Protein backbone atom coordinates (compact mmCIF):
# COMPACT_ATOMS: atom_id res chain seq x y z
CA MET A 1 -28.02 47.85 25.41
CA SER A 2 -29.11 45.01 22.97
CA PHE A 3 -26.66 43.31 20.80
CA ILE A 4 -28.41 44.64 17.67
CA LEU A 5 -28.11 48.25 18.92
CA ARG A 6 -24.33 47.78 19.76
CA LEU A 7 -23.74 46.51 16.17
CA GLN A 8 -25.81 49.45 14.85
CA GLU A 9 -23.61 51.92 16.87
CA ALA A 10 -20.40 50.24 15.81
CA ASN A 11 -21.45 50.84 12.23
CA GLU A 12 -21.44 47.00 11.58
CA ILE A 13 -25.20 47.28 10.31
CA THR A 14 -27.57 50.06 9.30
CA SER A 15 -30.80 50.95 11.17
CA GLU A 16 -32.72 49.46 8.33
CA GLU A 17 -30.82 46.18 8.68
CA ALA A 18 -31.36 46.20 12.31
CA GLN A 19 -35.08 46.62 11.96
CA ALA A 20 -35.18 43.86 9.41
CA VAL A 21 -33.45 41.37 11.68
CA LEU A 22 -35.79 42.26 14.60
CA LEU A 23 -38.89 41.78 12.46
CA GLU A 24 -37.46 38.42 11.48
CA LEU A 25 -36.39 37.21 14.97
CA GLY A 26 -38.76 38.91 17.34
CA GLU A 27 -37.78 39.84 20.86
CA GLN A 28 -34.63 38.83 22.76
CA PRO A 29 -32.73 36.78 20.17
CA THR A 30 -29.27 35.52 21.10
CA PRO A 31 -26.27 37.18 19.59
CA TYR A 32 -25.62 34.00 17.58
CA ASP A 33 -29.34 34.03 16.18
CA VAL A 34 -28.87 37.78 15.20
CA LEU A 35 -25.53 37.07 13.29
CA THR A 36 -26.93 34.10 11.72
CA GLU A 37 -29.80 36.09 10.21
CA LEU A 38 -27.37 38.81 9.16
CA LEU A 39 -25.45 35.99 7.42
CA HIS A 40 -28.61 34.63 5.85
CA GLN A 41 -29.54 37.99 4.45
CA GLU A 42 -26.05 38.38 3.25
CA ILE A 43 -25.35 41.54 5.09
CA ILE A 44 -22.16 39.94 6.67
CA THR A 45 -19.85 37.18 5.78
CA PRO A 46 -19.13 33.84 7.70
CA GLN A 47 -15.87 35.07 8.80
CA LYS A 48 -17.33 38.42 10.04
CA GLN A 49 -20.08 36.50 11.82
CA VAL A 50 -17.63 34.33 13.94
CA ARG A 51 -15.43 37.49 14.57
CA LEU A 52 -18.29 39.39 15.97
CA LEU A 53 -19.71 36.29 17.93
CA SER A 54 -16.20 35.95 19.60
CA GLU A 55 -16.00 39.65 20.51
CA GLU A 56 -19.41 39.53 21.95
CA SER A 57 -19.26 36.25 23.82
CA GLY A 58 -15.46 36.50 25.01
CA PHE A 59 -14.89 32.99 23.65
CA PRO A 60 -11.86 32.55 21.49
CA LEU A 61 -11.85 31.41 17.67
CA PHE A 62 -10.91 28.01 16.58
CA GLU A 63 -7.64 28.00 14.94
CA GLN A 64 -7.69 24.89 12.66
CA LYS A 65 -3.89 24.33 12.24
CA LYS A 66 -3.18 24.80 15.84
CA GLU A 67 -5.96 23.06 17.45
CA ILE A 68 -6.35 19.97 15.06
CA GLU A 69 -2.92 18.82 16.13
CA LYS A 70 -4.26 18.39 19.60
CA LEU A 71 -7.19 16.31 18.65
CA ASP A 72 -7.87 13.49 20.98
CA GLU A 73 -9.65 10.83 18.91
CA THR A 74 -10.67 8.80 22.02
CA LEU A 75 -13.08 11.80 22.95
CA LEU A 76 -15.06 11.28 19.75
CA GLU A 77 -15.93 7.63 20.75
CA LEU A 78 -18.30 9.10 23.39
CA PHE A 79 -19.70 11.56 21.01
CA PRO A 80 -20.53 9.75 17.69
CA ILE A 81 -20.70 11.47 14.32
CA HIS A 82 -24.54 11.62 14.23
CA LEU A 83 -24.57 13.61 17.37
CA SER A 84 -21.72 15.85 16.27
CA ARG A 85 -23.69 16.90 13.04
CA LYS A 86 -26.90 17.34 14.97
CA MET A 87 -25.54 19.25 17.84
CA ARG A 88 -22.97 21.12 15.68
CA ALA A 89 -19.93 20.36 17.84
CA VAL A 90 -16.64 18.59 17.94
CA PRO A 91 -14.93 17.80 21.20
CA LEU A 92 -11.23 18.34 20.44
CA TYR A 93 -9.05 17.78 23.59
CA GLN A 94 -8.93 18.03 27.36
CA GLU A 95 -6.78 19.77 29.56
CA ASP A 96 -7.34 19.26 33.29
CA ASP A 97 -10.93 19.99 34.05
CA THR A 98 -11.50 21.86 30.69
CA LEU A 99 -12.86 20.22 27.51
CA PHE A 100 -12.00 22.25 24.37
CA VAL A 101 -14.92 21.94 21.83
CA ALA A 102 -15.25 23.47 18.42
CA VAL A 103 -18.73 24.82 18.07
CA GLU A 104 -20.87 27.47 15.92
CA SER A 105 -22.79 28.80 18.98
CA PRO A 106 -21.74 29.11 22.53
CA TYR A 107 -25.17 29.59 23.73
CA ASN A 108 -26.48 26.13 23.24
CA LEU A 109 -26.91 25.17 27.00
CA VAL A 110 -28.26 21.68 26.17
CA LEU A 111 -24.96 20.79 24.33
CA MET A 112 -22.97 22.37 27.03
CA ASN A 113 -24.61 20.26 29.72
CA GLN A 114 -24.58 17.19 27.63
CA LEU A 115 -20.77 17.60 27.11
CA TYR A 116 -20.26 18.14 30.84
CA MET A 117 -22.23 14.92 31.76
CA LEU A 118 -20.26 12.94 29.13
CA TYR A 119 -16.73 14.05 30.00
CA GLY A 120 -16.99 15.44 33.47
CA ALA A 121 -15.19 18.58 32.33
CA SER A 122 -16.31 22.24 31.65
CA PRO A 123 -16.64 22.77 28.09
CA GLN A 124 -14.65 25.65 26.62
CA PRO A 125 -16.18 26.72 23.18
CA LEU A 126 -13.89 27.50 20.30
CA LEU A 127 -15.88 29.43 17.66
CA THR A 128 -15.96 28.54 14.03
CA THR A 129 -18.01 28.90 10.86
CA SER A 130 -20.38 26.46 9.74
CA THR A 131 -18.34 25.39 6.64
CA LEU A 132 -15.20 25.04 8.72
CA LEU A 133 -17.26 23.00 11.30
CA ASP A 134 -18.48 20.65 8.62
CA GLU A 135 -14.93 20.17 7.43
CA LEU A 136 -13.61 19.53 11.01
CA ILE A 137 -16.37 16.77 11.47
CA ASN A 138 -15.34 14.93 8.43
CA GLN A 139 -11.63 15.38 9.13
CA ALA A 140 -11.89 14.26 12.73
CA TYR A 141 -14.17 11.34 12.48
CA SER A 142 -12.50 9.95 9.25
CA ARG A 143 -9.55 9.17 11.62
CA LEU A 144 -11.51 6.78 13.68
CA SER A 145 -11.24 3.01 12.94
CA SER A 146 -14.01 1.69 10.76
CA ASP A 147 -14.25 -1.39 13.07
CA GLU A 148 -17.84 -0.43 13.88
CA ASN A 149 -18.66 -1.42 10.29
CA GLN A 150 -17.40 -4.98 10.71
CA LEU A 151 -19.95 -7.68 10.90
CA LYS A 152 -20.13 -10.34 13.58
CA GLU A 153 -20.26 -13.92 12.39
CA ASP A 154 -23.96 -14.30 13.47
CA GLU A 155 -24.83 -11.17 11.38
CA PHE A 156 -23.37 -12.61 8.39
CA GLN A 157 -25.26 -15.87 8.99
CA ASP A 158 -28.53 -14.01 9.15
CA MET A 159 -28.13 -13.34 5.47
CA ALA A 160 -27.86 -16.96 4.50
CA ASP A 161 -31.38 -17.43 3.16
CA GLU A 162 -31.14 -16.25 -0.33
CA SER A 163 -34.85 -16.11 -0.86
CA THR A 164 -35.15 -13.28 1.56
CA THR A 165 -32.00 -11.58 0.88
CA ILE A 166 -33.24 -9.18 -2.02
CA PRO A 167 -36.47 -7.91 -0.38
CA ASP A 168 -34.71 -7.45 3.06
CA LEU A 169 -31.82 -5.40 1.45
CA ILE A 170 -34.14 -3.15 -0.50
CA ASP A 171 -36.47 -2.47 2.45
CA SER A 172 -33.76 -2.24 5.04
CA ASN A 173 -32.37 1.10 6.37
CA ASP A 174 -28.56 2.12 6.84
CA GLU A 175 -28.62 0.06 10.17
CA ALA A 176 -28.82 -3.33 8.33
CA PRO A 177 -25.65 -5.48 8.83
CA ILE A 178 -24.71 -5.87 5.09
CA ILE A 179 -25.29 -2.13 4.33
CA ARG A 180 -23.03 -1.26 7.30
CA PHE A 181 -20.33 -3.69 6.02
CA VAL A 182 -20.38 -2.36 2.57
CA ASN A 183 -20.36 1.32 3.62
CA GLY A 184 -17.60 0.69 5.97
CA MET A 185 -15.35 -1.17 3.34
CA ILE A 186 -16.11 1.79 0.96
CA ALA A 187 -15.21 4.44 3.55
CA LYS A 188 -12.06 2.61 4.62
CA ALA A 189 -10.80 2.30 0.95
CA VAL A 190 -11.38 6.10 0.39
CA LYS A 191 -9.73 6.91 3.59
CA ASP A 192 -6.65 4.69 2.87
CA LYS A 193 -6.43 6.08 -0.75
CA VAL A 194 -7.05 2.78 -2.43
CA SER A 195 -7.54 2.61 -6.12
CA ASP A 196 -9.80 -0.59 -6.36
CA ILE A 197 -11.96 -2.75 -3.95
CA HIS A 198 -12.18 -6.50 -4.78
CA PHE A 199 -15.04 -8.69 -3.44
CA GLU A 200 -13.81 -12.18 -4.57
CA SER A 201 -16.15 -15.29 -4.36
CA PHE A 202 -14.41 -18.63 -3.50
CA ALA A 203 -15.78 -22.04 -2.47
CA ASP A 204 -16.01 -21.31 1.28
CA GLU A 205 -15.72 -17.47 1.61
CA VAL A 206 -15.64 -14.18 0.15
CA VAL A 207 -12.35 -12.35 0.30
CA VAL A 208 -12.24 -8.52 0.19
CA ARG A 209 -8.87 -7.06 -1.10
CA PHE A 210 -7.74 -3.53 -1.54
CA ARG A 211 -5.29 -2.32 -4.35
CA LYS A 212 -3.26 0.37 -3.28
CA ASP A 213 -0.23 1.88 -5.20
CA GLY A 214 -0.61 -1.08 -7.56
CA LYS A 215 -0.31 -3.82 -4.91
CA LEU A 216 -3.22 -5.89 -3.78
CA TYR A 217 -3.64 -6.53 0.12
CA PRO A 218 -6.17 -8.85 1.81
CA VAL A 219 -8.56 -6.85 4.05
CA GLN A 220 -11.14 -9.45 5.37
CA SER A 221 -12.66 -12.76 4.87
CA VAL A 222 -16.36 -12.96 4.66
CA PRO A 223 -18.44 -16.12 5.49
CA LYS A 224 -19.98 -17.70 2.39
CA ALA A 225 -23.47 -17.20 3.81
CA ALA A 226 -23.14 -13.43 3.28
CA GLN A 227 -22.02 -13.61 -0.41
CA SER A 228 -25.47 -13.28 -2.09
CA GLY A 229 -26.46 -10.18 0.18
CA LEU A 230 -22.99 -8.67 -0.25
CA ILE A 231 -23.11 -8.83 -4.01
CA THR A 232 -26.61 -7.65 -4.27
CA ARG A 233 -26.14 -4.64 -2.01
CA VAL A 234 -23.40 -3.56 -4.34
CA LYS A 235 -25.58 -4.17 -7.33
CA ILE A 236 -28.30 -2.18 -5.91
CA MET A 237 -25.96 0.80 -5.20
CA SER A 238 -24.81 0.65 -8.78
CA ARG A 239 -28.24 0.22 -10.34
CA LEU A 240 -27.35 -3.14 -11.88
CA ASN A 241 -29.76 -6.05 -12.49
CA ILE A 242 -29.75 -8.02 -9.25
CA SER A 243 -31.48 -11.11 -10.84
CA GLU A 244 -28.84 -11.39 -13.58
CA LYS A 245 -26.07 -13.51 -12.13
CA ARG A 246 -24.91 -15.38 -15.44
CA LEU A 247 -23.37 -12.32 -17.39
CA PRO A 248 -20.88 -9.61 -16.57
CA GLN A 249 -22.37 -6.18 -15.72
CA ASP A 250 -20.86 -2.64 -15.48
CA GLY A 251 -22.22 0.14 -13.50
CA ASN A 252 -21.41 3.34 -11.40
CA ILE A 253 -21.80 4.55 -7.79
CA ALA A 254 -21.77 8.06 -6.77
CA VAL A 255 -21.68 8.58 -3.06
CA LYS A 256 -20.63 11.26 -0.51
CA ILE A 257 -17.83 10.26 1.88
CA ALA A 258 -16.83 12.58 4.54
CA GLY A 259 -18.41 15.52 2.72
CA ASN A 260 -16.67 14.78 -0.65
CA ASP A 261 -18.27 13.31 -3.70
CA VAL A 262 -16.64 10.01 -4.82
CA ASP A 263 -17.53 7.94 -7.97
CA PHE A 264 -16.91 4.24 -8.43
CA ARG A 265 -16.87 2.20 -11.67
CA VAL A 266 -18.38 -1.28 -10.82
CA SER A 267 -17.71 -4.53 -12.59
CA THR A 268 -19.30 -7.90 -11.91
CA LEU A 269 -18.04 -11.21 -13.21
CA PRO A 270 -19.61 -14.66 -12.82
CA SER A 271 -17.19 -17.28 -11.59
CA VAL A 272 -17.45 -20.84 -10.62
CA HIS A 273 -18.20 -20.05 -6.93
CA GLY A 274 -20.54 -17.06 -7.66
CA GLU A 275 -20.14 -13.46 -8.69
CA SER A 276 -17.02 -11.45 -7.97
CA VAL A 277 -17.04 -7.48 -7.83
CA VAL A 278 -14.46 -4.98 -8.50
CA LEU A 279 -15.06 -1.20 -7.49
CA ARG A 280 -12.61 1.23 -9.19
CA ILE A 281 -12.38 4.26 -7.01
CA LEU A 282 -12.46 7.63 -8.96
CA ASP A 283 -11.72 10.08 -6.20
CA LYS A 284 -11.01 13.47 -7.80
CA ARG A 285 -9.34 14.82 -4.57
CA SER A 286 -6.52 12.41 -4.99
CA GLN A 287 -6.11 12.99 -8.55
CA VAL A 288 -3.91 16.11 -9.00
CA LEU A 289 -3.81 16.62 -12.83
CA SER A 290 -0.45 18.43 -13.40
CA LEU A 291 2.64 17.67 -15.32
CA ASP A 292 4.70 19.17 -12.68
CA ASN A 293 3.60 16.47 -10.07
CA SER A 294 4.04 13.54 -12.59
CA GLY A 295 7.68 12.95 -11.98
CA PHE A 296 9.33 14.18 -15.15
CA LEU A 297 12.93 15.32 -15.18
CA GLN A 298 13.37 18.86 -16.09
CA LYS A 299 14.52 18.17 -19.64
CA ASP A 300 11.65 15.74 -20.45
CA LEU A 301 9.15 18.15 -18.86
CA ILE A 302 10.33 20.85 -21.23
CA ALA A 303 10.22 18.46 -24.12
CA MET A 304 6.63 17.31 -23.10
CA ARG A 305 5.39 20.88 -22.77
CA LYS A 306 6.91 21.65 -26.11
CA LEU A 307 5.12 18.65 -27.88
CA ILE A 308 1.64 19.29 -26.37
CA ARG A 309 1.75 23.06 -27.71
CA LYS A 310 2.31 21.86 -31.30
CA LYS A 311 -0.50 22.73 -33.78
CA HIS A 312 -0.79 19.31 -35.22
CA GLY A 313 0.66 15.90 -35.08
CA ILE A 314 0.28 12.73 -33.00
CA LEU A 315 1.60 12.28 -29.51
CA LEU A 316 1.49 8.58 -28.23
CA VAL A 317 1.79 7.58 -24.55
CA THR A 318 2.75 3.82 -24.27
CA GLY A 319 2.80 1.37 -21.45
CA PRO A 320 0.86 -1.46 -19.90
CA THR A 321 -2.52 -1.26 -18.21
CA GLY A 322 -2.39 0.73 -15.08
CA SER A 323 0.84 2.54 -15.84
CA GLY A 324 -0.89 6.06 -15.61
CA LYS A 325 -1.09 6.76 -19.40
CA THR A 326 -4.59 8.27 -19.24
CA THR A 327 -3.59 10.43 -16.19
CA THR A 328 -0.63 11.76 -18.04
CA LEU A 329 -2.74 12.84 -20.92
CA TYR A 330 -5.49 14.19 -18.77
CA SER A 331 -2.69 16.35 -17.12
CA ALA A 332 -1.47 17.50 -20.54
CA LEU A 333 -4.99 18.48 -21.57
CA THR A 334 -5.74 20.32 -18.31
CA GLU A 335 -2.43 22.32 -18.87
CA ILE A 336 -3.36 23.39 -22.54
CA ASN A 337 -7.07 23.76 -22.06
CA SER A 338 -8.36 27.33 -22.66
CA PRO A 339 -11.49 28.98 -23.85
CA ASP A 340 -10.11 29.43 -27.39
CA VAL A 341 -9.28 25.69 -27.97
CA LYS A 342 -11.87 23.12 -28.47
CA ILE A 343 -10.81 19.74 -27.05
CA ILE A 344 -12.77 16.52 -27.54
CA THR A 345 -11.90 13.16 -26.00
CA GLU A 346 -13.18 9.55 -26.73
CA GLU A 347 -12.59 7.15 -23.91
CA ASP A 348 -13.62 3.67 -22.71
CA PRO A 349 -14.67 4.60 -20.19
CA VAL A 350 -14.56 8.36 -19.23
CA GLU A 351 -12.81 8.16 -15.81
CA TYR A 352 -12.61 11.71 -14.78
CA GLN A 353 -14.80 14.64 -16.13
CA LEU A 354 -12.61 17.58 -17.20
CA LYS A 355 -14.13 21.07 -17.02
CA GLY A 356 -14.32 22.75 -20.45
CA ILE A 357 -13.51 19.67 -22.41
CA ASN A 358 -15.87 17.51 -24.43
CA GLN A 359 -15.74 13.78 -23.50
CA VAL A 360 -17.34 10.96 -25.36
CA HIS A 361 -17.81 7.45 -23.76
CA ILE A 362 -17.24 4.91 -26.32
CA ASN A 363 -19.90 2.10 -26.43
CA SER A 364 -19.26 -0.61 -28.87
CA LYS A 365 -22.53 -2.34 -27.96
CA ILE A 366 -24.47 0.29 -29.94
CA GLY A 367 -21.79 0.78 -32.63
CA LEU A 368 -19.89 3.66 -31.17
CA THR A 369 -16.38 2.47 -31.50
CA PHE A 370 -13.11 4.55 -31.25
CA ALA A 371 -13.07 4.66 -35.15
CA SER A 372 -16.65 5.64 -35.78
CA GLY A 373 -16.60 7.99 -32.80
CA LEU A 374 -13.47 9.71 -34.39
CA ARG A 375 -15.19 10.45 -37.61
CA SER A 376 -17.93 12.16 -35.92
CA ILE A 377 -15.48 14.18 -33.65
CA LEU A 378 -13.68 15.52 -36.70
CA ARG A 379 -17.01 17.06 -37.90
CA GLN A 380 -17.22 18.85 -34.64
CA ASP A 381 -14.42 21.24 -35.63
CA PRO A 382 -12.05 20.28 -32.75
CA ASP A 383 -8.36 21.68 -32.24
CA ILE A 384 -7.21 18.77 -30.12
CA ILE A 385 -8.33 15.21 -29.97
CA MET A 386 -7.65 12.60 -27.46
CA ILE A 387 -8.33 9.03 -28.31
CA GLY A 388 -8.32 6.60 -25.46
CA GLU A 389 -6.36 3.88 -27.19
CA ILE A 390 -5.36 3.17 -30.95
CA ARG A 391 -6.35 -0.55 -31.14
CA ASP A 392 -6.66 -1.15 -34.87
CA LYS A 393 -5.68 0.08 -38.38
CA GLU A 394 -8.73 1.82 -38.90
CA THR A 395 -8.42 4.00 -35.81
CA ALA A 396 -4.80 4.58 -36.65
CA ASP A 397 -5.78 5.67 -40.24
CA ILE A 398 -8.23 8.25 -38.98
CA ALA A 399 -5.88 9.62 -36.28
CA ILE A 400 -3.39 10.06 -38.92
CA ASN A 401 -5.68 11.92 -41.39
CA ALA A 402 -6.74 14.03 -38.55
CA SER A 403 -3.14 14.96 -37.77
CA LEU A 404 -2.51 15.68 -41.51
CA THR A 405 -5.43 18.04 -41.68
CA GLY A 406 -4.18 20.24 -38.79
CA HIS A 407 -5.33 18.50 -35.64
CA LEU A 408 -3.31 17.71 -32.56
CA VAL A 409 -4.08 14.15 -31.61
CA PHE A 410 -3.19 12.40 -28.30
CA SER A 411 -3.64 8.70 -27.84
CA THR A 412 -2.19 5.70 -25.90
CA LEU A 413 -0.71 2.40 -27.26
CA HIS A 414 0.22 -0.88 -25.63
CA THR A 415 3.86 -1.30 -26.05
CA ASN A 416 6.43 -1.85 -23.47
CA ASP A 417 8.75 1.01 -24.56
CA ALA A 418 8.88 4.15 -26.92
CA PRO A 419 10.77 2.75 -29.86
CA THR A 420 8.49 -0.28 -30.23
CA ALA A 421 5.58 2.04 -30.79
CA PHE A 422 6.78 2.77 -34.35
CA THR A 423 6.99 -0.88 -35.18
CA ARG A 424 3.66 -1.60 -33.70
CA LEU A 425 1.97 1.03 -36.00
CA ILE A 426 3.98 -0.66 -38.86
CA ASP A 427 2.66 -3.94 -37.83
CA MET A 428 -0.99 -2.48 -37.96
CA GLY A 429 -0.33 -1.70 -41.59
CA ILE A 430 0.46 2.00 -41.42
CA GLU A 431 2.96 3.19 -44.01
CA PRO A 432 6.43 4.25 -42.41
CA PHE A 433 6.35 7.62 -44.36
CA LEU A 434 2.97 8.50 -42.87
CA ILE A 435 4.18 7.55 -39.28
CA SER A 436 7.33 9.73 -39.77
CA SER A 437 5.35 12.63 -40.93
CA THR A 438 2.55 12.73 -38.33
CA VAL A 439 4.10 11.30 -34.99
CA ILE A 440 5.68 14.04 -33.08
CA GLY A 441 6.65 12.12 -30.14
CA ILE A 442 6.44 8.87 -28.09
CA LEU A 443 6.36 8.72 -24.24
CA ALA A 444 6.70 5.32 -22.56
CA GLN A 445 5.87 5.33 -18.78
CA ARG A 446 5.60 3.17 -15.69
CA LEU A 447 4.52 3.94 -12.19
CA VAL A 448 6.90 3.19 -9.24
CA ARG A 449 5.97 3.42 -5.54
CA LYS A 450 7.34 6.32 -3.47
CA LEU A 451 9.35 5.58 -0.60
CA CYS A 452 7.75 6.69 2.81
CA PRO A 453 9.72 9.92 3.83
CA VAL A 454 9.05 9.12 7.44
CA CYS A 455 10.62 5.41 7.76
CA ARG A 456 12.87 5.08 4.67
CA GLU A 457 16.38 3.79 5.48
CA LYS A 458 19.65 4.71 4.00
CA TYR A 459 21.70 1.89 2.73
CA TYR A 460 24.36 1.11 0.13
CA PRO A 461 23.29 -1.52 -2.55
CA ASP A 462 25.96 -4.07 -3.74
CA GLU A 463 27.59 -3.93 -7.00
CA LEU A 464 25.24 -6.37 -8.74
CA VAL A 465 22.31 -4.03 -8.01
CA LEU A 466 23.98 -1.00 -9.13
CA GLN A 467 25.06 -2.77 -12.34
CA GLU A 468 21.35 -3.91 -13.04
CA LEU A 469 20.40 -0.29 -12.62
CA GLY A 470 22.86 0.60 -15.36
CA LEU A 471 25.05 2.51 -12.96
CA ASP A 472 28.94 2.27 -12.66
CA ALA A 473 29.48 0.24 -9.66
CA GLN A 474 32.82 2.12 -8.71
CA GLU A 475 31.39 5.61 -9.24
CA TYR A 476 28.27 4.96 -7.16
CA LYS A 477 29.70 2.69 -4.51
CA ASN A 478 29.53 5.47 -1.91
CA GLN A 479 26.20 6.89 -3.11
CA PRO A 480 23.51 6.39 -0.49
CA PHE A 481 20.29 4.88 -1.60
CA TYR A 482 17.04 4.27 0.34
CA LYS A 483 15.00 1.22 1.16
CA PRO A 484 11.49 0.67 2.47
CA VAL A 485 10.99 -0.11 6.23
CA GLY A 486 7.39 0.43 7.16
CA CYS A 487 5.60 2.45 9.94
CA GLU A 488 2.16 3.58 10.95
CA LYS A 489 2.21 6.39 8.45
CA CYS A 490 2.48 4.06 5.44
CA ALA A 491 0.60 1.12 6.89
CA ASN A 492 3.97 -0.89 7.26
CA THR A 493 4.45 -0.97 3.53
CA GLY A 494 7.36 1.50 3.35
CA TYR A 495 5.80 3.17 0.43
CA ILE A 496 3.25 6.09 0.00
CA GLY A 497 1.89 7.05 -3.37
CA ARG A 498 3.50 6.54 -6.65
CA ILE A 499 5.59 8.63 -9.25
CA GLY A 500 6.20 8.05 -13.04
CA ILE A 501 9.24 6.98 -14.76
CA PHE A 502 9.61 7.98 -18.27
CA GLU A 503 11.15 7.41 -21.73
CA MET A 504 10.77 10.49 -23.62
CA LEU A 505 11.36 10.20 -27.47
CA PRO A 506 10.72 13.27 -29.59
CA MET A 507 10.71 12.91 -33.27
CA ASP A 508 13.60 14.38 -35.13
CA ASP A 509 15.34 13.94 -38.43
CA ALA A 510 17.46 11.03 -37.36
CA ILE A 511 14.32 9.00 -35.95
CA ARG A 512 12.56 9.97 -38.99
CA LYS A 513 14.99 8.39 -41.42
CA ALA A 514 15.20 5.35 -39.22
CA VAL A 515 11.36 4.76 -39.38
CA ILE A 516 11.27 5.29 -43.12
CA ALA A 517 14.22 2.74 -43.61
CA HIS A 518 12.07 0.22 -41.50
CA ALA A 519 14.67 0.11 -38.73
CA ASP A 520 13.59 -2.33 -35.82
CA ALA A 521 13.02 -1.04 -32.32
CA SER A 522 16.59 -1.79 -31.13
CA GLU A 523 18.05 0.43 -33.92
CA ILE A 524 15.65 3.13 -33.18
CA ARG A 525 16.59 2.96 -29.58
CA LYS A 526 20.19 3.37 -30.32
CA VAL A 527 19.57 6.35 -32.46
CA ALA A 528 17.29 7.94 -29.67
CA ALA A 529 19.80 7.15 -26.94
CA GLY A 530 22.55 9.04 -29.04
CA ASN A 531 20.16 12.02 -29.05
CA GLY A 532 20.01 11.82 -25.08
CA MET A 533 16.88 9.74 -24.63
CA LEU A 534 17.07 7.87 -21.16
CA SER A 535 15.53 4.53 -20.86
CA LEU A 536 12.80 3.68 -18.30
CA ARG A 537 15.42 1.98 -16.14
CA GLU A 538 17.84 4.82 -16.51
CA ASP A 539 15.05 7.41 -15.58
CA GLY A 540 14.18 5.17 -12.58
CA ALA A 541 17.83 4.88 -11.45
CA LEU A 542 17.95 8.77 -11.35
CA LYS A 543 14.84 8.74 -9.03
CA ALA A 544 16.40 6.21 -6.82
CA ILE A 545 19.50 8.26 -6.44
CA LYS A 546 17.32 11.09 -5.26
CA GLY A 547 15.69 8.85 -2.62
CA LEU A 548 12.24 9.07 -4.31
CA THR A 549 12.06 5.23 -4.67
CA SER A 550 14.03 2.23 -4.10
CA PRO A 551 16.43 0.47 -6.51
CA GLU A 552 14.40 -2.88 -6.13
CA GLU A 553 11.11 -1.11 -7.11
CA VAL A 554 12.82 0.35 -10.27
CA LEU A 555 14.24 -3.11 -11.19
CA ILE A 556 10.83 -4.79 -10.77
CA LYS A 557 8.90 -2.27 -12.82
CA THR A 558 11.44 -2.23 -15.61
CA GLN A 559 12.55 -5.98 -15.84
CA GLU A 560 10.63 -6.52 -19.09
CA ASP A 561 12.42 -3.68 -20.79
CA THR A 562 15.97 -5.05 -20.32
């Protein structure tokens, strides 16, 4: 009995569907061909396809959580990724004379013979869907070292003739040395969850550095001969003017890496020894926009959620560049975004596109500044406005007027702590009574590195460290803290990822009176502390007590605030 008839008798398909498949496939199709055609005609789901194929062939299903733990990466070296994609298979692991391999179809005899010839073991198919196989290919091969993308010295030297560099790069394919090198650096950076890639030109070399968790690490030195080709390749990818080497340029790159779309913001800068390039990685997968994951203490999280749900007023987030201000505001907007609320942002630049939110890219070259953009935004009938940064009195005036007319305004300000934000606005020329009647809260923040949970080590800091953290040395002398050690999982840094430390200052009557009375930042801080506000260092100390970060990391990131 044919496979199609068995499906029909088992009521998996109707006689009409069976006839349609036979007409499409002709005589003697394999069960995989039949099920693929049924899937194509949307008669069955991918999950049903692989289940029926398993029942018919007798081969087991691929269980991702169970099998991926056994993955032997050395097997992949004999079966490169381009072959894996073409043959639709991933060798997983070998037990005695059996090679376990994830496949879509167990009927590909060419594949089975090739695997036997390569590994000298009988292939044991583990069946999976096309989508899951694609994910597995990306996941498995992303574990491999990117050494194959490194260039040899002679390959770099081949790029030394600047007059031939540009045509060679434009006309070359993906096997060209410079292209392989740039692609390898980008893929490695994304794999390692890096935030920035730096290509820096010096007198006798080009240095590649990665920024991860706020720290820069050297990755490779490139011979000077390859500088022109390297910079030109990045410019071509970001659609910049490759002949302009005297002026800074900004561009973007959109690429697919391991099946995921990743965007890069590119900046070039002429220097004494040639152009330097920085690529900011905007990987949406690594950006979990949630206030719950930001690191707020419970009381501050409640206060923050109360502020972002007010109908009008100004909420300011302060801190230096790279302290996570925009990410916090994105998280807040994501939480309150709904179909009945119109949200418009103006940013310089727009780093992440948020679904359901209107985002405006500021471009001062054509006259679209924060102030002029804000005027136009107010004519668009928004409920909530996010301003990337309040830089001048004009923008501050419009933001205040917007809040007075019933809009909720989010923005950032460059100050070291929350109380200083009030004095900064006054210094801009904003009247204290306007500040006190519109600002609903100030949030200051920093990012500290999180300790690696695998290798962190318990220890007891000395009295001086405890005192610098603002803790009572006697009370906490028996309190264990943790310090970084370094292991394979954290690339021997001792840290993985970052978490926020915060200084939450909601506006109340006492703060309002202090602002109107022209109190300085230190006086406002005393009032806020009396109302329960924790300083950045105090909040960091609590996270160090919990073992999330180290005391030294907190002290370094808050040293300018003491």
